[in-house]
């Protein structure tokens, strides 16, 4: 389906380039391929939603652990505790695997 939409896009592009000013004899092929692609993409989105997305739920505990142990959180701390302390926390967290434990061991942030 994706390749067909890409092919339709190429067809529309080439037909638009071949058209001549106001007398665009290529408009039927442009409209046909454009509407066909829109229809295919709409049906594909519906199928994706029904067969893949519907019913997905988040594992809240796993998500919380991932956020709490993310080294990216140090970026938010940097303006508060300074770049050097934040980078030290990030280094230690990388070594021991936990941003929270790294901070608690040094008591840098309340």
Protein backbone atom coordinates (compact mmCIF):
# COMPACT_ATOMS: atom_id res chain seq x y z
CA UNK A 1 0.00 0.00 0.00
CA UNK A 2 2.80 2.41 0.88
CA UNK A 3 4.52 1.84 -2.45
CA UNK A 4 1.29 2.42 -4.31
CA UNK A 5 0.77 5.74 -2.52
CA UNK A 6 4.36 6.72 -3.34
CA UNK A 7 3.75 5.75 -6.97
CA UNK A 8 0.58 7.83 -7.03
CA UNK A 9 2.55 10.76 -5.63
CA UNK A 10 5.12 10.44 -8.40
CA UNK A 11 2.30 10.28 -10.96
CA UNK A 12 0.66 13.41 -9.54
CA UNK A 13 4.00 15.24 -9.51
CA UNK A 14 4.85 14.32 -13.10
CA UNK A 15 1.34 15.11 -14.32
CA UNK A 16 1.44 18.52 -12.63
CA UNK A 17 4.79 19.25 -14.28
CA UNK A 18 3.49 18.18 -17.69
CA UNK A 19 0.37 20.34 -17.46
CA UNK A 20 0.35 23.58 -19.40
CA UNK A 21 -0.84 26.66 -17.56
CA UNK A 22 -4.65 26.89 -17.46
CA UNK A 23 -5.13 24.09 -20.01
CA UNK A 24 -4.12 21.26 -17.76
CA UNK A 25 -5.13 18.09 -19.58
CA UNK A 26 -3.54 16.10 -16.75
CA UNK A 27 -6.10 17.09 -14.11
CA UNK A 28 -8.10 13.83 -14.38
CA UNK A 29 -5.07 11.66 -13.60
CA UNK A 30 -4.02 14.04 -10.82
CA UNK A 31 -7.47 13.90 -9.20
CA UNK A 32 -7.83 10.13 -9.66
CA UNK A 33 -4.48 9.29 -8.06
CA UNK A 34 -4.85 11.87 -5.31
CA UNK A 35 -8.29 10.62 -4.26
CA UNK A 36 -7.19 7.01 -4.56
CA UNK A 37 -4.24 7.65 -2.24
CA UNK A 38 -6.44 9.50 0.26
CA UNK A 39 -8.88 6.58 0.29
CA UNK A 40 -6.11 3.98 0.73
CA UNK A 41 -4.45 5.94 3.56
CA UNK A 42 -7.79 6.41 5.31
CA UNK A 43 -8.53 2.69 5.16
CA UNK A 44 -4.99 1.87 6.31
CA UNK A 45 -5.35 4.19 9.33
CA UNK A 46 -8.66 2.55 10.25
CA UNK A 47 -7.13 -0.93 9.95
CA UNK A 48 -4.12 0.09 12.05
CA UNK A 49 -6.38 1.53 14.74
CA UNK A 50 -8.61 -1.55 14.86
CA UNK A 51 -5.97 -4.26 14.66
CA UNK A 52 -2.97 -2.73 16.39
CA UNK A 53 -3.79 0.27 18.57
CA UNK A 54 -7.19 -0.62 20.04
CA UNK A 55 -6.76 -2.25 23.43
CA UNK A 56 -3.19 -1.16 24.08
CA UNK A 57 -2.63 -0.21 27.70
CA UNK A 58 0.42 1.15 29.44
CA UNK A 59 2.25 -0.75 32.13
CA UNK A 60 2.28 2.08 34.67
CA UNK A 61 4.85 0.54 37.00
CA UNK A 62 7.30 -0.10 34.18
CA UNK A 63 6.79 3.41 32.77
CA UNK A 64 7.35 4.97 36.20
CA UNK A 65 10.59 3.01 36.66
CA UNK A 66 11.81 4.04 33.21
CA UNK A 67 11.15 7.72 33.93
CA UNK A 68 12.69 7.62 37.40
CA UNK A 69 15.87 5.98 36.11
CA UNK A 70 16.20 8.14 33.01
CA UNK A 71 19.47 10.04 32.86
CA UNK A 72 17.60 12.70 30.86
CA UNK A 73 16.05 13.97 34.10
CA UNK A 74 19.43 15.44 35.00
CA UNK A 75 18.80 18.07 32.33
CA UNK A 76 15.92 19.43 34.43
CA UNK A 77 18.12 19.50 37.52
CA UNK A 78 20.95 21.39 35.90
CA UNK A 79 19.47 24.90 36.32
CA UNK A 80 18.71 24.14 39.99
CA UNK A 81 21.90 22.47 41.21
CA UNK A 82 24.34 23.55 38.51
CA UNK A 83 25.87 21.80 35.56
CA UNK A 84 28.81 20.24 37.41
CA UNK A 85 26.73 18.62 40.14
CA UNK A 86 24.17 17.45 37.60
CA UNK A 87 26.86 15.86 35.44
CA UNK A 88 28.34 14.12 38.49
CA UNK A 89 24.92 12.70 39.35
CA UNK A 90 24.50 11.56 35.74
CA UNK A 91 27.89 9.81 35.75
CA UNK A 92 27.14 8.01 39.01
CA UNK A 93 23.65 7.07 37.85
CA UNK A 94 25.13 5.59 34.69
CA UNK A 95 27.48 3.49 36.79
CA UNK A 96 24.98 2.26 39.39
CA UNK A 97 21.85 2.32 37.19
CA UNK A 98 19.67 4.56 39.33
CA UNK A 99 19.36 8.32 39.23
CA UNK A 100 17.46 8.37 42.51
CA UNK A 101 20.08 6.32 44.39
CA UNK A 102 22.90 8.41 42.99
CA UNK A 103 21.24 11.56 44.26
CA UNK A 104 20.36 10.11 47.67
CA UNK A 105 23.85 8.82 48.31
CA UNK A 106 25.26 12.34 48.01
CA UNK A 107 22.15 14.23 49.19
CA UNK A 108 22.56 16.86 46.48
CA UNK A 109 18.86 17.53 46.08
CA UNK A 110 16.18 17.39 48.79
